[in-house]
PDB file of N, CA and C in Angstrom:
ATOM      1  N   MET A   1       7.066  -4.319   8.991  1.00  0.00           N
ATOM      2  CA  MET A   1       6.445  -5.327   8.200  1.00  0.00           C
ATOM      3  C   MET A   1       4.908  -5.138   8.599  1.00  0.00           C
ATOM      4  N   VAL A   2       4.138  -5.054   7.848  1.00  0.00           N
ATOM      5  CA  VAL A   2       2.693  -4.734   7.859  1.00  0.00           C
ATOM      6  C   VAL A   2       1.732  -6.009   7.062  1.00  0.00           C
ATOM      7  N   ASN A   3       1.068  -6.761   7.851  1.00  0.00           N
ATOM      8  CA  ASN A   3      -0.032  -8.033   7.231  1.00  0.00           C
ATOM      9  C   ASN A   3       0.990  -8.766   6.450  1.00  0.00           C
ATOM     10  N   GLY A   4       1.913  -8.851   7.209  1.00  0.00           N
ATOM     11  CA  GLY A   4       2.739 -10.136   6.729  1.00  0.00           C
ATOM     12  C   GLY A   4       3.840  -9.728   5.623  1.00  0.00           C
ATOM     13  N   ARG A   5       3.825  -8.434   5.120  1.00  0.00           N
ATOM     14  CA  ARG A   5       4.552  -8.053   3.927  1.00  0.00           C
ATOM     15  C   ARG A   5       5.590  -6.901   4.440  1.00  0.00           C
ATOM     16  N   THR A   6       6.660  -7.133   3.685  1.00  0.00           N
ATOM     17  CA  THR A   6       7.780  -6.139   4.125  1.00  0.00           C
ATOM     18  C   THR A   6       7.738  -5.191   3.081  1.00  0.00           C
ATOM     19  N   VAL A   7       7.979  -3.799   2.709  1.00  0.00           N
ATOM     20  CA  VAL A   7       8.155  -2.908   1.951  1.00  0.00           C
ATOM     21  C   VAL A   7       9.403  -2.559   1.978  1.00  0.00           C
ATOM     22  N   LEU A   8      10.080  -2.882   0.588  1.00  0.00           N
ATOM     23  CA  LEU A   8      11.336  -2.537   0.070  1.00  0.00           C
ATOM     24  C   LEU A   8      11.709  -1.320  -0.340  1.00  0.00           C
ATOM     25  N   GLU A   9      10.824  -0.583  -0.951  1.00  0.00           N
ATOM     26  CA  GLU A   9      10.971   0.364  -1.264  1.00  0.00           C
ATOM     27  C   GLU A   9       9.732   1.194  -2.126  1.00  0.00           C
ATOM     28  N   ARG A  10       9.367   2.338  -2.053  1.00  0.00           N
ATOM     29  CA  ARG A  10       8.342   3.361  -2.554  1.00  0.00           C
ATOM     30  C   ARG A  10       8.579   4.301  -3.805  1.00  0.00           C
ATOM     31  N   PHE A  11       7.516   4.016  -4.870  1.00  0.00           N
ATOM     32  CA  PHE A  11       7.889   4.759  -6.026  1.00  0.00           C
ATOM     33  C   PHE A  11       6.965   5.775  -6.066  1.00  0.00           C
ATOM     34  N   PRO A  12       6.558   7.072  -6.389  1.00  0.00           N
ATOM     35  CA  PRO A  12       5.705   7.705  -6.898  1.00  0.00           C
ATOM     36  C   PRO A  12       4.936   7.256  -8.037  1.00  0.00           C
ATOM     37  N   ALA A  13       3.406   7.317  -8.117  1.00  0.00           N
ATOM     38  CA  ALA A  13       2.694   6.723  -9.501  1.00  0.00           C
ATOM     39  C   ALA A  13       3.050   7.833 -10.626  1.00  0.00           C
ATOM     40  N   GLY A  14       3.371   8.887 -10.237  1.00  0.00           N
ATOM     41  CA  GLY A  14       3.693   9.764 -11.427  1.00  0.00           C
ATOM     42  C   GLY A  14       5.030   9.677 -11.943  1.00  0.00           C
ATOM     43  N   GLY A  15       5.574   8.509 -12.333  1.00  0.00           N
ATOM     44  CA  GLY A  15       7.004   8.560 -13.011  1.00  0.00           C
ATOM     45  C   GLY A  15       6.992   9.307 -14.291  1.00  0.00           C
ATOM     46  N   PRO A  16       8.185   9.080 -14.915  1.00  0.00           N
ATOM     47  CA  PRO A  16       8.031   9.590 -16.477  1.00  0.00           C
ATOM     48  C   PRO A  16       7.722   8.531 -17.405  1.00  0.00           C
ATOM     49  N   ARG A  17       7.268   9.249 -18.296  1.00  0.00           N
ATOM     50  CA  ARG A  17       6.502   8.188 -19.152  1.00  0.00           C
ATOM     51  C   ARG A  17       7.539   7.436 -19.495  1.00  0.00           C
ATOM     52  N   GLY A  18       7.201   6.076 -19.942  1.00  0.00           N
ATOM     53  CA  GLY A  18       7.759   5.115 -20.310  1.00  0.00           C
ATOM     54  C   GLY A  18       8.671   4.195 -18.967  1.00  0.00           C
ATOM     55  N   SER A  19       8.858   4.832 -18.439  1.00  0.00           N
ATOM     56  CA  SER A  19       9.454   4.130 -17.353  1.00  0.00           C
ATOM     57  C   SER A  19       9.063   3.689 -16.066  1.00  0.00           C
ATOM     58  N   TRP A  20       9.692   2.361 -15.736  1.00  0.00           N
ATOM     59  CA  TRP A  20       8.894   1.568 -14.924  1.00  0.00           C
ATOM     60  C   TRP A  20      10.109   1.420 -13.843  1.00  0.00           C
ATOM     61  N   PRO A  21      10.425   2.549 -12.613  1.00  0.00           N
ATOM     62  CA  PRO A  21      11.228   2.177 -11.747  1.00  0.00           C
ATOM     63  C   PRO A  21      10.886   0.903 -10.410  1.00  0.00           C
ATOM     64  N   ALA A  22       9.748   1.074 -10.319  1.00  0.00           N
ATOM     65  CA  ALA A  22       9.215   0.130  -9.179  1.00  0.00           C
ATOM     66  C   ALA A  22       9.308  -1.257 -10.085  1.00  0.00           C
ATOM     67  N   GLU A  23       8.869  -1.931 -10.931  1.00  0.00           N
ATOM     68  CA  GLU A  23       9.327  -2.695 -12.037  1.00  0.00           C
ATOM     69  C   GLU A  23      10.416  -2.994 -12.051  1.00  0.00           C
ATOM     70  N   GLU A  24      11.421  -2.004 -11.932  1.00  0.00           N
ATOM     71  CA  GLU A  24      13.086  -2.724 -12.590  1.00  0.00           C
ATOM     72  C   GLU A  24      13.576  -2.704 -11.620  1.00  0.00           C
ATOM     73  N   PHE A  25      13.298  -2.261 -10.109  1.00  0.00           N
ATOM     74  CA  PHE A  25      13.339  -2.298  -8.824  1.00  0.00           C
ATOM     75  C   PHE A  25      13.262  -3.903  -8.344  1.00  0.00           C
ATOM     76  N   ALA A  26      11.827  -4.233  -8.552  1.00  0.00           N
ATOM     77  CA  ALA A  26      11.691  -5.406  -8.269  1.00  0.00           C
ATOM     78  C   ALA A  26      12.147  -6.841  -8.842  1.00  0.00           C
ATOM     79  N   GLN A  27      12.524  -6.184 -10.198  1.00  0.00           N
ATOM     80  CA  GLN A  27      13.104  -7.040 -11.046  1.00  0.00           C
ATOM     81  C   GLN A  27      14.281  -7.388 -10.436  1.00  0.00           C
ATOM     82  N   ALA A  28      15.347  -5.898 -10.301  1.00  0.00           N
ATOM     83  CA  ALA A  28      16.556  -6.402  -9.479  1.00  0.00           C
ATOM     84  C   ALA A  28      16.783  -7.380  -8.214  1.00  0.00           C
ATOM     85  N   ARG A  29      15.668  -7.005  -7.451  1.00  0.00           N
ATOM     86  CA  ARG A  29      15.492  -8.024  -6.273  1.00  0.00           C
ATOM     87  C   ARG A  29      15.453  -9.450  -6.330  1.00  0.00           C
ATOM     88  N   ARG A  30      14.444  -9.550  -7.422  1.00  0.00           N
ATOM     89  CA  ARG A  30      14.042 -10.899  -7.917  1.00  0.00           C
ATOM     90  C   ARG A  30      15.234 -11.710  -8.673  1.00  0.00           C
ATOM     91  N   MET A  31      16.312 -11.141  -9.183  1.00  0.00           N
ATOM     92  CA  MET A  31      17.222 -11.407  -9.451  1.00  0.00           C
ATOM     93  C   MET A  31      18.496 -12.024  -8.387  1.00  0.00           C
ATOM     94  N   GLU A  32      17.840 -10.958  -7.141  1.00  0.00           N
ATOM     95  CA  GLU A  32      19.109 -11.645  -6.008  1.00  0.00           C
ATOM     96  C   GLU A  32      18.530 -12.624  -5.131  1.00  0.00           C
ATOM     97  N   GLY A  33      16.910 -12.851  -5.287  1.00  0.00           N
ATOM     98  CA  GLY A  33      16.634 -14.368  -4.657  1.00  0.00           C
ATOM     99  C   GLY A  33      15.548 -14.091  -4.123  1.00  0.00           C
ATOM    100  N   LEU A  34      14.779 -12.625  -4.056  1.00  0.00           N
ATOM    101  CA  LEU A  34      13.606 -12.144  -3.310  1.00  0.00           C
ATOM    102  C   LEU A  34      12.463 -12.464  -4.092  1.00  0.00           C
ATOM    103  N   ALA A  35      10.990 -12.714  -3.859  1.00  0.00           N
ATOM    104  CA  ALA A  35       9.836 -12.994  -4.500  1.00  0.00           C
ATOM    105  C   ALA A  35       9.240 -11.306  -4.043  1.00  0.00           C
ATOM    106  N   ALA A  36      10.090 -10.660  -4.995  1.00  0.00           N
ATOM    107  CA  ALA A  36       9.562  -9.120  -4.890  1.00  0.00           C
ATOM    108  C   ALA A  36       8.440  -8.855  -5.971  1.00  0.00           C
ATOM    109  N   GLU A  37       7.248  -8.261  -5.462  1.00  0.00           N
ATOM    110  CA  GLU A  37       6.284  -8.038  -6.305  1.00  0.00           C
ATOM    111  C   GLU A  37       6.059  -6.274  -6.107  1.00  0.00           C
ATOM    112  N   VAL A  38       5.483  -5.871  -7.153  1.00  0.00           N
ATOM    113  CA  VAL A  38       4.671  -4.601  -6.907  1.00  0.00           C
ATOM    114  C   VAL A  38       3.378  -4.417  -6.739  1.00  0.00           C
ATOM    115  N   VAL A  39       2.881  -3.663  -5.850  1.00  0.00           N
ATOM    116  CA  VAL A  39       1.261  -3.203  -5.580  1.00  0.00           C
ATOM    117  C   VAL A  39       1.474  -1.698  -5.318  1.00  0.00           C
ATOM    118  N   MET A  40       0.058  -1.617  -5.822  1.00  0.00           N
ATOM    119  CA  MET A  40      -0.119   0.048  -5.631  1.00  0.00           C
ATOM    120  C   MET A  40      -0.941   0.214  -4.602  1.00  0.00           C
ATOM    121  N   ASP A  41      -0.803   1.382  -3.865  1.00  0.00           N
ATOM    122  CA  ASP A  41      -1.021   1.756  -2.389  1.00  0.00           C
ATOM    123  C   ASP A  41      -2.076   3.206  -2.833  1.00  0.00           C
ATOM    124  N   LEU A  42      -3.618   3.061  -3.154  1.00  0.00           N
ATOM    125  CA  LEU A  42      -3.981   3.761  -3.824  1.00  0.00           C
ATOM    126  C   LEU A  42      -4.121   4.946  -2.497  1.00  0.00           C
ATOM    127  N   ALA A  43      -4.194   4.604  -1.062  1.00  0.00           N
ATOM    128  CA  ALA A  43      -4.022   5.586  -0.646  1.00  0.00           C
ATOM    129  C   ALA A  43      -3.298   6.763  -0.438  1.00  0.00           C
ATOM    130  N   THR A  44      -1.782   6.548  -0.979  1.00  0.00           N
ATOM    131  CA  THR A  44      -0.684   7.435  -0.861  1.00  0.00           C
ATOM    132  C   THR A  44      -0.372   7.596  -2.681  1.00  0.00           C
ATOM    133  N   ASP A  45      -1.080   6.898  -3.092  1.00  0.00           N
ATOM    134  CA  ASP A  45      -0.860   7.221  -4.810  1.00  0.00           C
ATOM    135  C   ASP A  45       0.721   7.121  -5.194  1.00  0.00           C
ATOM    136  N   THR A  46       1.133   5.485  -4.576  1.00  0.00           N
ATOM    137  CA  THR A  46       2.715   5.101  -4.927  1.00  0.00           C
ATOM    138  C   THR A  46       2.256   3.711  -4.751  1.00  0.00           C
ATOM    139  N   PHE A  47       3.510   3.293  -5.706  1.00  0.00           N
ATOM    140  CA  PHE A  47       4.033   1.925  -5.971  1.00  0.00           C
ATOM    141  C   PHE A  47       4.937   1.298  -5.014  1.00  0.00           C
ATOM    142  N   LEU A  48       4.548   0.368  -4.237  1.00  0.00           N
ATOM    143  CA  LEU A  48       5.342  -0.758  -3.348  1.00  0.00           C
ATOM    144  C   LEU A  48       6.049  -1.681  -3.859  1.00  0.00           C
ATOM    145  N   VAL A  49       7.050  -1.964  -3.647  1.00  0.00           N
ATOM    146  CA  VAL A  49       7.947  -2.964  -3.928  1.00  0.00           C
ATOM    147  C   VAL A  49       7.728  -3.957  -2.759  1.00  0.00           C
ATOM    148  N   ILE A  50       7.232  -5.201  -2.325  1.00  0.00           N
ATOM    149  CA  ILE A  50       7.100  -5.752  -1.353  1.00  0.00           C
ATOM    150  C   ILE A  50       7.752  -7.070  -1.488  1.00  0.00           C
ATOM    151  N   VAL A  51       7.874  -7.711   0.234  1.00  0.00           N
ATOM    152  CA  VAL A  51       7.837  -9.664  -0.013  1.00  0.00           C
ATOM    153  C   VAL A  51       6.998  -9.838   0.851  1.00  0.00           C
ATOM    154  N   ARG A  52       6.401 -10.611   0.372  1.00  0.00           N
ATOM    155  CA  ARG A  52       5.354 -11.356   1.141  1.00  0.00           C
ATOM    156  C   ARG A  52       6.206 -12.108   2.462  1.00  0.00           C
ATOM    157  N   ALA A  53       5.886 -12.550   3.617  1.00  0.00           N
ATOM    158  CA  ALA A  53       6.445 -12.908   4.778  1.00  0.00           C
ATOM    159  C   ALA A  53       6.809 -14.917   4.181  1.00  0.00           C
ATOM    160  N   GLY A  54       7.962 -14.847   4.620  1.00  0.00           N
ATOM    161  CA  GLY A  54       8.137 -16.100   4.360  1.00  0.00           C
ATOM    162  C   GLY A  54       8.478 -16.386   2.698  1.00  0.00           C
ATOM    163  N   ASP A  55       8.436 -15.449   1.613  1.00  0.00           N
ATOM    164  CA  ASP A  55       8.445 -15.457   0.552  1.00  0.00           C
ATOM    165  C   ASP A  55      10.203 -15.313  -0.072  1.00  0.00           C
ATOM    166  N   ALA A  56      10.505 -16.522  -0.816  1.00  0.00           N
ATOM    167  CA  ALA A  56      11.745 -16.306  -0.943  1.00  0.00           C
ATOM    168  C   ALA A  56      12.256 -17.437  -2.317  1.00  0.00           C
ATOM    169  N   ILE A  57      12.748 -16.886  -3.546  1.00  0.00           N
ATOM    170  CA  ILE A  57      12.716 -17.721  -4.851  1.00  0.00           C
ATOM    171  C   ILE A  57      14.077 -18.641  -4.184  1.00  0.00           C
ATOM    172  N   GLU A  58      13.859 -19.918  -4.389  1.00  0.00           N
ATOM    173  CA  GLU A  58      14.820 -20.798  -3.903  1.00  0.00           C
ATOM    174  C   GLU A  58      15.674 -21.574  -5.083  1.00  0.00           C
TER     175      GLU A  58
END
């Protein structure tokens, strides 16, 4: 956990054209009840799927 966020998964920014694996992964986690969101880590050029501390879909 970093800054109140838990990183669930990391995806390279240079994915195949028309593919959004980070968004698809986050959507699947939201269907499971987690308030997952995608953020960009500019330092590593990756998309992170995160959950903020205390966030869950009721």
